[in-house]
C-alpha cells in the first residue's frame, strides 16, 4: 500500500495520514470534545499514538488550560516494545515546565527521527493541573480492550506511579495500571 494523500509514497498503515504534520495524544474518529483533563499528582499518564510514515519531528508540546501558580508539568515521548508497551528512557523530555500561565508549552529545536510504529506521549505534574484534553469517547482504541469477567473495557492509557522529578523515568520493566476509555486524556503533541 502507498500513501494516497499528497506526495508521500512510503508504505503506510493509514494512507490518508501520510501528509499530516502534527500528531496528538490520540487519533480520533469523531465525536470527541476538547475539555480540561487534569494531571494526577505523582502519576505519569501515558497515551498511545501511531506514526504511519518515517519523519523527523522538531517540536513537542502540551497546553495548560487552567493557571496553576507555583506548579509545574513535564511531558515527553516513549518508544514501544514488542508487547506494545512503553519502554526505555524517554525519546524526548520537556524537563520541568511552569504551569503558572495558560497556553501552549513547547520544546523546540528537536531533531527526532521516528520510524513507523506505536509510540507513547507522557505527562505528569506536581499537582492536579488543568490541561487541554480530549474526552475519549471517539478515540481509536489502539491499546485494545481489557476483559474482566463479562466486562469488556477499552483501554485509553497507561498510568505509572512516579514522583514528580526533574526528568521522566526509564519505563523498562515497569508495570502500569490500565485506565479505561472513559478517562479524560491531556493533549500532548509532536510536530
N, C-alpha and C. Protein backbone atom coordinates (compact mmCIF):
# COMPACT_ATOMS: atom_id res chain seq x y z
N UNK A 1 0.86 -1.18 0.00
CA UNK A 1 0.00 0.00 0.00
C UNK A 1 0.89 1.23 0.00
N UNK A 2 0.52 2.26 -0.68
CA UNK A 2 1.27 3.51 -0.69
C UNK A 2 0.37 4.63 -0.22
N UNK A 3 1.01 5.72 0.23
CA UNK A 3 0.24 6.88 0.66
C UNK A 3 -0.56 7.45 -0.50
N UNK A 4 -1.77 7.89 -0.23
CA UNK A 4 -2.61 8.41 -1.30
C UNK A 4 -2.84 9.91 -1.20
N UNK A 5 -2.52 10.49 -0.06
CA UNK A 5 -2.72 11.93 0.08
C UNK A 5 -1.40 12.64 -0.21
N UNK A 6 -1.41 13.65 -1.04
CA UNK A 6 -0.20 14.41 -1.33
C UNK A 6 0.83 13.59 -2.09
N UNK A 7 2.09 13.79 -1.73
CA UNK A 7 3.17 13.17 -2.49
C UNK A 7 3.84 12.02 -1.77
N UNK A 8 3.40 11.66 -0.60
CA UNK A 8 4.06 10.58 0.14
C UNK A 8 3.88 9.26 -0.59
N UNK A 9 4.99 8.50 -0.69
CA UNK A 9 4.90 7.21 -1.38
C UNK A 9 5.40 6.07 -0.51
N UNK A 10 5.60 6.32 0.79
CA UNK A 10 6.10 5.25 1.65
C UNK A 10 4.95 4.38 2.13
N UNK A 11 5.23 3.09 2.42
CA UNK A 11 4.18 2.20 2.92
C UNK A 11 3.54 2.80 4.17
N UNK A 12 2.26 2.61 4.31
CA UNK A 12 1.54 3.32 5.35
C UNK A 12 0.30 2.53 5.76
N UNK A 13 0.17 2.28 7.04
CA UNK A 13 -1.00 1.58 7.55
C UNK A 13 -2.25 2.44 7.38
N UNK A 14 -2.11 3.74 7.59
CA UNK A 14 -3.21 4.69 7.46
C UNK A 14 -2.86 5.67 6.34
N UNK A 15 -3.15 5.34 5.07
CA UNK A 15 -2.64 6.11 3.95
C UNK A 15 -3.03 7.58 3.95
N UNK A 16 -4.19 7.94 4.44
CA UNK A 16 -4.59 9.34 4.41
C UNK A 16 -3.95 10.16 5.51
N UNK A 17 -3.19 9.54 6.40
CA UNK A 17 -2.48 10.27 7.44
C UNK A 17 -1.08 10.64 7.01
N UNK A 18 -0.65 10.24 5.83
CA UNK A 18 0.75 10.37 5.44
C UNK A 18 1.24 11.81 5.36
N UNK A 19 0.39 12.75 5.08
CA UNK A 19 0.86 14.13 4.94
C UNK A 19 0.57 14.98 6.18
N UNK A 20 0.01 14.42 7.21
CA UNK A 20 -0.21 15.18 8.44
C UNK A 20 1.14 15.56 9.01
N UNK A 21 1.23 16.72 9.67
CA UNK A 21 2.50 17.12 10.26
C UNK A 21 2.42 17.26 11.77
N UNK A 22 1.26 17.01 12.36
CA UNK A 22 1.09 17.11 13.80
C UNK A 22 0.39 15.87 14.31
N UNK A 23 0.92 15.28 15.37
CA UNK A 23 0.31 14.11 16.00
C UNK A 23 -0.04 14.47 17.42
N UNK A 24 -1.24 14.09 17.84
CA UNK A 24 -1.74 14.41 19.17
C UNK A 24 -1.88 13.14 19.99
N UNK A 25 -2.22 13.33 21.24
CA UNK A 25 -2.34 12.26 22.21
C UNK A 25 -3.05 11.03 21.67
N UNK A 26 -4.16 11.20 21.00
CA UNK A 26 -4.89 10.06 20.46
C UNK A 26 -5.38 10.38 19.07
N UNK A 27 -5.38 9.37 18.22
CA UNK A 27 -6.07 9.53 16.96
C UNK A 27 -7.55 9.27 17.25
N UNK A 28 -8.41 10.08 16.65
CA UNK A 28 -9.83 10.01 16.96
C UNK A 28 -10.64 9.83 15.68
N UNK A 29 -11.84 9.31 15.85
CA UNK A 29 -12.72 9.09 14.70
C UNK A 29 -13.90 10.05 14.69
N UNK A 30 -14.02 10.89 15.65
CA UNK A 30 -15.11 11.84 15.69
C UNK A 30 -15.85 11.79 17.01
N UNK A 31 -16.68 12.76 17.24
CA UNK A 31 -17.45 12.80 18.47
C UNK A 31 -16.60 13.10 19.70
N UNK A 32 -15.44 13.71 19.50
CA UNK A 32 -14.54 13.99 20.61
C UNK A 32 -14.67 15.46 20.99
N UNK A 33 -14.76 15.71 22.26
CA UNK A 33 -14.86 17.06 22.78
C UNK A 33 -13.54 17.46 23.40
N UNK A 34 -13.07 18.69 23.11
CA UNK A 34 -11.90 19.19 23.81
C UNK A 34 -12.40 19.79 25.10
N UNK A 35 -11.76 19.40 26.19
CA UNK A 35 -12.20 19.77 27.52
C UNK A 35 -10.96 19.99 28.38
N UNK A 36 -11.13 20.02 29.69
CA UNK A 36 -10.00 20.11 30.60
C UNK A 36 -9.76 18.73 31.19
N UNK A 37 -8.53 18.27 31.09
CA UNK A 37 -8.11 16.98 31.66
C UNK A 37 -6.98 17.26 32.62
N UNK A 38 -7.12 16.82 33.84
CA UNK A 38 -6.11 17.13 34.86
C UNK A 38 -4.99 16.12 34.91
N UNK A 39 -3.78 16.63 35.20
CA UNK A 39 -2.70 15.73 35.55
C UNK A 39 -3.02 15.17 36.93
N UNK A 40 -2.35 14.11 37.31
CA UNK A 40 -2.58 13.48 38.61
C UNK A 40 -1.27 13.49 39.38
N UNK A 41 -1.28 14.03 40.58
CA UNK A 41 -0.07 14.11 41.40
C UNK A 41 0.61 12.76 41.50
N UNK A 42 1.92 12.74 41.27
CA UNK A 42 2.76 11.54 41.38
C UNK A 42 2.31 10.40 40.48
N UNK A 43 1.74 10.75 39.33
CA UNK A 43 1.29 9.75 38.37
C UNK A 43 1.68 10.18 36.96
N UNK A 44 2.35 9.29 36.26
CA UNK A 44 2.73 9.53 34.87
C UNK A 44 1.61 8.97 33.99
N UNK A 45 0.94 9.85 33.22
CA UNK A 45 -0.11 9.44 32.29
C UNK A 45 0.55 9.18 30.95
N UNK A 46 0.30 8.01 30.36
CA UNK A 46 0.98 7.60 29.13
C UNK A 46 -0.07 7.18 28.10
N UNK A 47 -0.11 7.92 26.96
CA UNK A 47 -1.14 7.74 25.96
C UNK A 47 -0.54 7.38 24.60
N UNK A 48 -1.16 6.44 23.87
CA UNK A 48 -0.58 5.95 22.61
C UNK A 48 -0.87 6.86 21.41
N UNK A 49 0.01 6.76 20.44
CA UNK A 49 -0.26 7.34 19.12
C UNK A 49 0.57 6.57 18.10
N UNK A 50 0.14 6.64 16.85
CA UNK A 50 0.80 5.90 15.76
C UNK A 50 1.46 6.89 14.81
N UNK A 51 2.71 6.62 14.48
CA UNK A 51 3.41 7.35 13.42
C UNK A 51 3.33 6.46 12.18
N UNK A 52 2.58 6.87 11.14
CA UNK A 52 2.37 5.99 9.99
C UNK A 52 3.50 5.97 8.97
N UNK A 53 4.29 7.04 8.91
CA UNK A 53 5.40 7.09 7.96
C UNK A 53 6.61 7.70 8.65
N UNK A 54 7.79 7.35 8.18
CA UNK A 54 9.02 7.89 8.77
C UNK A 54 9.05 9.41 8.58
N UNK A 55 9.41 10.10 9.63
CA UNK A 55 9.55 11.55 9.56
C UNK A 55 10.35 12.06 10.75
N UNK A 56 10.84 13.27 10.62
CA UNK A 56 11.59 13.91 11.69
C UNK A 56 10.74 15.01 12.29
N UNK A 57 10.62 14.99 13.60
CA UNK A 57 9.83 15.97 14.33
C UNK A 57 10.76 16.96 15.03
N UNK A 58 10.31 18.22 15.14
CA UNK A 58 11.16 19.26 15.73
C UNK A 58 10.55 19.93 16.95
N UNK A 59 9.29 19.60 17.27
CA UNK A 59 8.60 20.29 18.36
C UNK A 59 7.74 19.31 19.15
N UNK A 60 7.76 19.44 20.48
CA UNK A 60 6.92 18.67 21.39
C UNK A 60 6.16 19.68 22.23
N UNK A 61 4.86 19.46 22.43
CA UNK A 61 4.11 20.47 23.17
C UNK A 61 2.93 19.89 23.95
N UNK A 62 2.47 20.68 24.92
CA UNK A 62 1.26 20.42 25.71
C UNK A 62 0.63 21.78 25.98
N UNK A 63 -0.64 21.81 26.38
CA UNK A 63 -1.31 23.09 26.59
C UNK A 63 -1.94 23.15 27.96
N UNK A 64 -1.50 24.12 28.75
CA UNK A 64 -2.08 24.36 30.08
C UNK A 64 -3.39 25.13 29.89
N UNK A 65 -4.49 24.60 30.42
CA UNK A 65 -5.81 25.22 30.28
C UNK A 65 -6.19 26.09 31.47
N UNK A 66 -5.66 25.75 32.66
CA UNK A 66 -6.01 26.48 33.88
C UNK A 66 -4.72 26.85 34.61
N UNK A 67 -4.58 28.13 34.94
CA UNK A 67 -3.38 28.59 35.66
C UNK A 67 -3.23 27.81 36.95
N UNK A 68 -2.01 27.38 37.22
CA UNK A 68 -1.69 26.67 38.45
C UNK A 68 -0.40 27.28 39.00
N UNK A 69 -0.57 28.43 39.63
CA UNK A 69 0.58 29.21 40.11
C UNK A 69 1.49 28.37 41.01
N UNK A 70 2.78 28.43 40.72
CA UNK A 70 3.77 27.73 41.53
C UNK A 70 3.90 26.26 41.21
N UNK A 71 3.13 25.76 40.25
CA UNK A 71 3.18 24.34 39.91
C UNK A 71 3.78 24.13 38.53
N UNK A 72 4.13 22.86 38.25
CA UNK A 72 4.84 22.54 37.01
C UNK A 72 4.35 21.23 36.42
N UNK A 73 4.63 21.09 35.11
CA UNK A 73 4.37 19.85 34.38
C UNK A 73 5.68 19.39 33.76
N UNK A 74 5.71 18.16 33.32
CA UNK A 74 6.76 17.66 32.44
C UNK A 74 6.10 16.68 31.49
N UNK A 75 6.56 16.67 30.25
CA UNK A 75 5.94 15.82 29.24
C UNK A 75 7.02 15.30 28.30
N UNK A 76 6.70 14.20 27.63
CA UNK A 76 7.69 13.61 26.76
C UNK A 76 7.12 12.53 25.87
N UNK A 77 8.01 11.71 25.35
CA UNK A 77 7.68 10.72 24.34
C UNK A 77 8.49 9.46 24.59
N UNK A 78 7.82 8.29 24.49
CA UNK A 78 8.47 6.99 24.66
C UNK A 78 8.25 6.11 23.43
N UNK A 79 9.20 5.21 23.19
CA UNK A 79 9.04 4.15 22.19
C UNK A 79 8.22 3.03 22.81
N UNK A 80 7.79 2.08 21.98
CA UNK A 80 7.09 0.90 22.49
C UNK A 80 7.96 -0.33 22.28
N UNK A 81 7.69 -1.35 23.09
CA UNK A 81 8.41 -2.61 22.93
C UNK A 81 7.58 -3.58 22.08
N UNK A 82 8.03 -4.81 21.95
CA UNK A 82 7.35 -5.82 21.12
C UNK A 82 5.96 -6.16 21.65
N UNK A 83 5.68 -5.84 22.92
CA UNK A 83 4.36 -6.09 23.51
C UNK A 83 3.47 -4.85 23.48
N UNK A 84 3.86 -3.84 22.70
CA UNK A 84 3.11 -2.59 22.60
C UNK A 84 2.95 -1.87 23.93
N UNK A 85 4.02 -1.89 24.71
CA UNK A 85 4.07 -1.20 25.99
C UNK A 85 5.17 -0.14 25.91
N UNK A 86 4.98 1.01 26.59
CA UNK A 86 6.06 2.00 26.61
C UNK A 86 7.29 1.40 27.28
N UNK A 87 8.47 1.79 26.79
CA UNK A 87 9.69 1.19 27.33
C UNK A 87 10.86 2.15 27.22
N UNK A 88 11.84 1.90 28.04
CA UNK A 88 13.10 2.63 27.97
C UNK A 88 13.05 4.03 28.53
N UNK A 89 14.16 4.72 28.29
CA UNK A 89 14.23 6.13 28.65
C UNK A 89 13.41 6.93 27.64
N UNK A 90 12.93 8.10 28.02
CA UNK A 90 12.15 8.89 27.06
C UNK A 90 12.98 9.28 25.84
N UNK A 91 12.34 9.28 24.68
CA UNK A 91 12.99 9.74 23.46
C UNK A 91 13.09 11.26 23.44
N UNK A 92 12.16 11.91 24.13
CA UNK A 92 12.17 13.37 24.30
C UNK A 92 11.57 13.67 25.67
N UNK A 93 12.11 14.67 26.34
CA UNK A 93 11.69 15.04 27.69
C UNK A 93 11.71 16.56 27.79
N UNK A 94 10.59 17.15 28.18
CA UNK A 94 10.49 18.61 28.28
C UNK A 94 11.29 19.17 29.43
N UNK A 95 11.60 18.33 30.44
CA UNK A 95 12.11 18.87 31.69
C UNK A 95 10.96 19.54 32.43
N UNK A 96 11.25 20.23 33.50
CA UNK A 96 10.21 20.88 34.30
C UNK A 96 9.78 22.17 33.61
N UNK A 97 8.45 22.33 33.41
CA UNK A 97 7.87 23.47 32.71
C UNK A 97 6.82 24.10 33.61
N UNK A 98 6.86 25.41 33.78
CA UNK A 98 5.91 26.10 34.65
C UNK A 98 4.48 25.99 34.11
N UNK A 99 3.53 25.78 35.03
CA UNK A 99 2.11 25.79 34.70
C UNK A 99 1.47 27.07 35.24
N UNK A 100 2.30 28.09 35.47
CA UNK A 100 1.84 29.35 36.05
C UNK A 100 1.10 30.26 35.07
N UNK A 101 1.10 29.90 33.80
CA UNK A 101 0.33 30.65 32.80
C UNK A 101 -0.37 29.64 31.89
N UNK A 102 -1.46 30.07 31.28
CA UNK A 102 -2.15 29.19 30.34
C UNK A 102 -1.45 29.27 28.98
N UNK A 103 -1.78 28.32 28.12
CA UNK A 103 -1.28 28.34 26.76
C UNK A 103 -0.38 27.16 26.45
N UNK A 104 0.13 27.17 25.23
CA UNK A 104 0.97 26.08 24.73
C UNK A 104 2.36 26.18 25.35
N UNK A 105 2.82 25.07 25.88
CA UNK A 105 4.18 24.94 26.43
C UNK A 105 4.91 24.01 25.48
N UNK A 106 6.05 24.43 24.96
CA UNK A 106 6.68 23.63 23.93
C UNK A 106 8.19 23.52 24.10
N UNK A 107 8.70 22.43 23.56
CA UNK A 107 10.12 22.19 23.43
C UNK A 107 10.39 22.25 21.94
N UNK A 108 11.28 23.13 21.51
CA UNK A 108 11.59 23.28 20.10
C UNK A 108 13.04 22.89 19.85
N UNK A 109 13.41 22.83 18.59
CA UNK A 109 14.79 22.52 18.25
C UNK A 109 15.13 21.04 18.31
N UNK A 110 14.10 20.19 18.41
CA UNK A 110 14.34 18.75 18.41
C UNK A 110 14.70 18.30 16.99
N UNK A 111 15.36 17.19 16.90
CA UNK A 111 15.55 16.51 15.62
C UNK A 111 15.31 15.04 15.91
N UNK A 112 14.03 14.70 16.03
CA UNK A 112 13.61 13.38 16.47
C UNK A 112 13.09 12.58 15.28
N UNK A 113 13.92 11.70 14.76
CA UNK A 113 13.55 10.87 13.60
C UNK A 113 12.82 9.63 14.09
N UNK A 114 11.54 9.52 13.74
CA UNK A 114 10.72 8.37 14.15
C UNK A 114 10.38 7.53 12.94
N UNK A 115 10.47 6.23 13.11
CA UNK A 115 10.06 5.29 12.07
C UNK A 115 8.61 4.90 12.30
N UNK A 116 7.93 4.34 11.32
CA UNK A 116 6.53 3.96 11.52
C UNK A 116 6.38 3.01 12.72
N UNK A 117 5.35 3.26 13.51
CA UNK A 117 5.10 2.39 14.64
C UNK A 117 4.32 3.06 15.75
N UNK A 118 4.21 2.34 16.86
CA UNK A 118 3.48 2.80 18.03
C UNK A 118 4.43 3.53 18.97
N UNK A 119 4.01 4.69 19.44
CA UNK A 119 4.76 5.50 20.40
C UNK A 119 3.81 5.94 21.49
N UNK A 120 4.36 6.55 22.53
CA UNK A 120 3.55 6.99 23.66
C UNK A 120 3.94 8.39 24.11
N UNK A 121 2.95 9.26 24.25
CA UNK A 121 3.15 10.55 24.91
C UNK A 121 3.01 10.32 26.40
N UNK A 122 3.72 11.11 27.19
CA UNK A 122 3.63 11.00 28.64
C UNK A 122 3.58 12.40 29.24
N UNK A 123 2.85 12.55 30.35
CA UNK A 123 2.77 13.83 31.04
C UNK A 123 2.51 13.57 32.52
N UNK A 124 3.11 14.40 33.36
CA UNK A 124 2.77 14.41 34.78
C UNK A 124 2.93 15.81 35.33
N UNK A 125 2.51 15.99 36.56
CA UNK A 125 2.60 17.30 37.19
C UNK A 125 2.84 17.16 38.68
N UNK A 126 3.27 18.26 39.29
CA UNK A 126 3.49 18.22 40.74
C UNK A 126 2.23 18.58 41.51
N UNK A 127 1.10 18.64 40.80
CA UNK A 127 -0.22 18.91 41.38
C UNK A 127 -1.25 18.48 40.34
N UNK A 128 -2.52 18.62 40.68
CA UNK A 128 -3.58 18.39 39.69
C UNK A 128 -3.69 19.67 38.87
N UNK A 129 -3.20 19.61 37.63
CA UNK A 129 -3.12 20.80 36.78
C UNK A 129 -4.04 20.61 35.58
N UNK A 130 -4.88 21.60 35.33
CA UNK A 130 -5.84 21.54 34.22
C UNK A 130 -5.15 21.75 32.89
N UNK A 131 -5.17 20.71 32.07
CA UNK A 131 -4.57 20.74 30.74
C UNK A 131 -5.69 20.66 29.70
N UNK A 132 -5.46 21.18 28.50
CA UNK A 132 -6.41 20.92 27.41
C UNK A 132 -6.38 19.41 27.17
N UNK A 133 -7.56 18.83 26.98
CA UNK A 133 -7.62 17.38 26.84
C UNK A 133 -8.78 16.93 25.99
N UNK A 134 -8.77 15.64 25.71
CA UNK A 134 -9.84 15.01 24.95
C UNK A 134 -10.71 14.18 25.88
N UNK A 135 -12.03 14.28 25.71
CA UNK A 135 -12.91 13.28 26.25
C UNK A 135 -12.80 12.14 25.25
N UNK A 136 -12.48 10.95 25.69
CA UNK A 136 -12.03 9.91 24.75
C UNK A 136 -13.11 9.02 24.16
N UNK A 137 -14.34 9.43 24.15
CA UNK A 137 -15.39 8.60 23.59
C UNK A 137 -15.21 8.25 22.12
N UNK A 138 -14.58 9.13 21.33
CA UNK A 138 -14.38 8.86 19.92
C UNK A 138 -12.96 8.42 19.59
N UNK A 139 -12.20 8.04 20.61
CA UNK A 139 -10.81 7.65 20.38
C UNK A 139 -10.71 6.28 19.74
N UNK A 140 -9.69 6.11 18.91
CA UNK A 140 -9.37 4.80 18.37
C UNK A 140 -8.65 4.03 19.47
N UNK A 141 -9.20 2.90 19.86
CA UNK A 141 -8.64 2.15 20.98
C UNK A 141 -7.51 1.24 20.50
N UNK A 142 -6.37 1.84 20.20
CA UNK A 142 -5.26 1.07 19.66
C UNK A 142 -4.57 0.21 20.71
N UNK A 143 -4.90 0.41 21.98
CA UNK A 143 -4.34 -0.45 23.03
C UNK A 143 -5.19 -1.68 23.29
N UNK A 144 -6.33 -1.77 22.63
CA UNK A 144 -7.18 -2.94 22.79
C UNK A 144 -8.17 -2.78 23.93
N UNK A 145 -8.64 -3.92 24.42
CA UNK A 145 -9.66 -3.97 25.47
C UNK A 145 -9.17 -4.85 26.60
N UNK A 146 -9.70 -4.59 27.78
CA UNK A 146 -9.40 -5.37 28.95
C UNK A 146 -10.66 -6.14 29.35
N UNK A 147 -10.65 -7.46 29.20
CA UNK A 147 -11.81 -8.28 29.53
C UNK A 147 -11.62 -8.86 30.93
N UNK A 148 -12.51 -8.45 31.83
CA UNK A 148 -12.52 -8.97 33.20
C UNK A 148 -13.91 -9.52 33.44
N UNK A 149 -14.00 -10.84 33.61
CA UNK A 149 -15.31 -11.48 33.75
C UNK A 149 -16.09 -11.27 32.47
N UNK A 150 -17.24 -10.59 32.57
CA UNK A 150 -18.05 -10.32 31.38
C UNK A 150 -17.97 -8.85 30.97
N UNK A 151 -17.09 -8.08 31.59
CA UNK A 151 -16.95 -6.66 31.28
C UNK A 151 -15.78 -6.45 30.33
N UNK A 152 -16.07 -5.87 29.18
CA UNK A 152 -15.08 -5.60 28.16
C UNK A 152 -14.88 -4.09 28.09
N UNK A 153 -13.74 -3.60 28.59
CA UNK A 153 -13.50 -2.17 28.69
C UNK A 153 -12.35 -1.74 27.78
N UNK A 154 -12.57 -0.76 26.89
CA UNK A 154 -11.47 -0.24 26.07
C UNK A 154 -10.41 0.41 26.96
N UNK A 155 -9.16 0.26 26.58
CA UNK A 155 -8.05 0.85 27.33
C UNK A 155 -7.68 2.19 26.69
N UNK A 156 -7.73 3.27 27.46
CA UNK A 156 -7.43 4.61 26.95
C UNK A 156 -5.97 4.99 27.14
N UNK A 157 -5.36 4.54 28.25
CA UNK A 157 -3.98 4.91 28.54
C UNK A 157 -3.42 4.00 29.62
N UNK A 158 -2.14 4.18 29.85
CA UNK A 158 -1.46 3.53 30.97
C UNK A 158 -1.12 4.60 32.00
N UNK A 159 -1.02 4.20 33.24
CA UNK A 159 -0.58 5.10 34.30
C UNK A 159 0.50 4.41 35.11
N UNK A 160 1.51 5.19 35.48
CA UNK A 160 2.62 4.69 36.29
C UNK A 160 2.74 5.56 37.53
N UNK A 161 2.99 4.93 38.67
CA UNK A 161 3.30 5.70 39.88
C UNK A 161 4.67 6.32 39.68
N UNK A 162 4.76 7.62 39.79
CA UNK A 162 6.03 8.30 39.61
C UNK A 162 6.02 9.63 40.34
N UNK A 163 6.94 9.81 41.26
CA UNK A 163 7.08 11.07 41.96
C UNK A 163 7.59 12.11 40.96
N UNK A 164 6.94 13.27 40.94
CA UNK A 164 7.36 14.34 40.02
C UNK A 164 8.81 14.68 40.32
N UNK A 165 9.63 14.74 39.29
CA UNK A 165 11.06 15.00 39.45
C UNK A 165 11.55 15.82 38.26
N UNK A 166 12.85 15.95 38.14
CA UNK A 166 13.41 16.78 37.08
C UNK A 166 13.45 16.09 35.73
N UNK A 167 13.12 14.82 35.67
CA UNK A 167 13.13 14.12 34.39
C UNK A 167 12.15 12.96 34.39
N UNK A 168 11.73 12.56 33.22
CA UNK A 168 10.82 11.41 33.09
C UNK A 168 11.61 10.12 33.32
N UNK A 169 10.96 9.09 33.87
CA UNK A 169 11.67 7.87 34.25
C UNK A 169 11.91 6.91 33.08
N UNK A 170 12.82 5.98 33.28
CA UNK A 170 13.01 4.85 32.38
C UNK A 170 11.90 3.86 32.70
N UNK A 171 11.14 3.43 31.71
CA UNK A 171 9.98 2.55 31.94
C UNK A 171 10.27 1.08 31.66
N UNK A 172 11.51 0.72 31.37
CA UNK A 172 11.84 -0.67 31.10
C UNK A 172 11.48 -1.54 32.31
N UNK A 173 10.65 -2.55 32.09
CA UNK A 173 10.28 -3.49 33.14
C UNK A 173 9.32 -2.98 34.18
N UNK A 174 8.78 -1.77 34.03
CA UNK A 174 7.85 -1.20 35.00
C UNK A 174 6.43 -1.52 34.55
N UNK A 175 5.61 -2.05 35.47
CA UNK A 175 4.22 -2.42 35.14
C UNK A 175 3.27 -1.25 35.37
N UNK A 176 2.43 -0.95 34.38
CA UNK A 176 1.48 0.15 34.52
C UNK A 176 0.12 -0.31 35.04
N UNK A 177 -0.71 0.66 35.36
CA UNK A 177 -2.14 0.44 35.57
C UNK A 177 -2.83 0.73 34.25
N UNK A 178 -3.85 -0.05 33.91
CA UNK A 178 -4.64 0.18 32.70
C UNK A 178 -5.81 1.10 33.05
N UNK A 179 -6.01 2.13 32.26
CA UNK A 179 -7.07 3.10 32.53
C UNK A 179 -8.10 3.02 31.40
N UNK A 180 -9.37 2.97 31.76
CA UNK A 180 -10.45 2.73 30.79
C UNK A 180 -10.68 3.91 29.86
N UNK A 181 -11.43 3.65 28.82
CA UNK A 181 -11.73 4.62 27.77
C UNK A 181 -12.54 5.80 28.27
N UNK A 182 -13.08 5.76 29.47
CA UNK A 182 -13.86 6.89 29.97
C UNK A 182 -12.97 7.98 30.54
N UNK A 183 -11.66 7.74 30.64
CA UNK A 183 -10.73 8.71 31.20
C UNK A 183 -10.57 9.91 30.26
N UNK A 184 -10.36 11.08 30.85
CA UNK A 184 -10.02 12.27 30.08
C UNK A 184 -8.51 12.27 29.91
N UNK A 185 -8.03 12.51 28.69
CA UNK A 185 -6.60 12.46 28.42
C UNK A 185 -6.07 13.84 28.05
N UNK A 186 -5.04 14.32 28.79
CA UNK A 186 -4.41 15.59 28.39
C UNK A 186 -3.83 15.45 26.99
N UNK A 187 -3.90 16.55 26.24
CA UNK A 187 -3.34 16.55 24.89
C UNK A 187 -1.85 16.87 24.97
N UNK A 188 -1.06 15.98 24.40
CA UNK A 188 0.36 16.23 24.17
C UNK A 188 0.53 16.05 22.67
N UNK A 189 1.37 16.85 22.05
CA UNK A 189 1.53 16.76 20.61
C UNK A 189 2.97 16.83 20.18
N UNK A 190 3.19 16.40 18.95
CA UNK A 190 4.52 16.46 18.33
C UNK A 190 4.33 16.97 16.92
N UNK A 191 5.29 17.76 16.47
CA UNK A 191 5.17 18.36 15.14
C UNK A 191 6.54 18.37 14.47
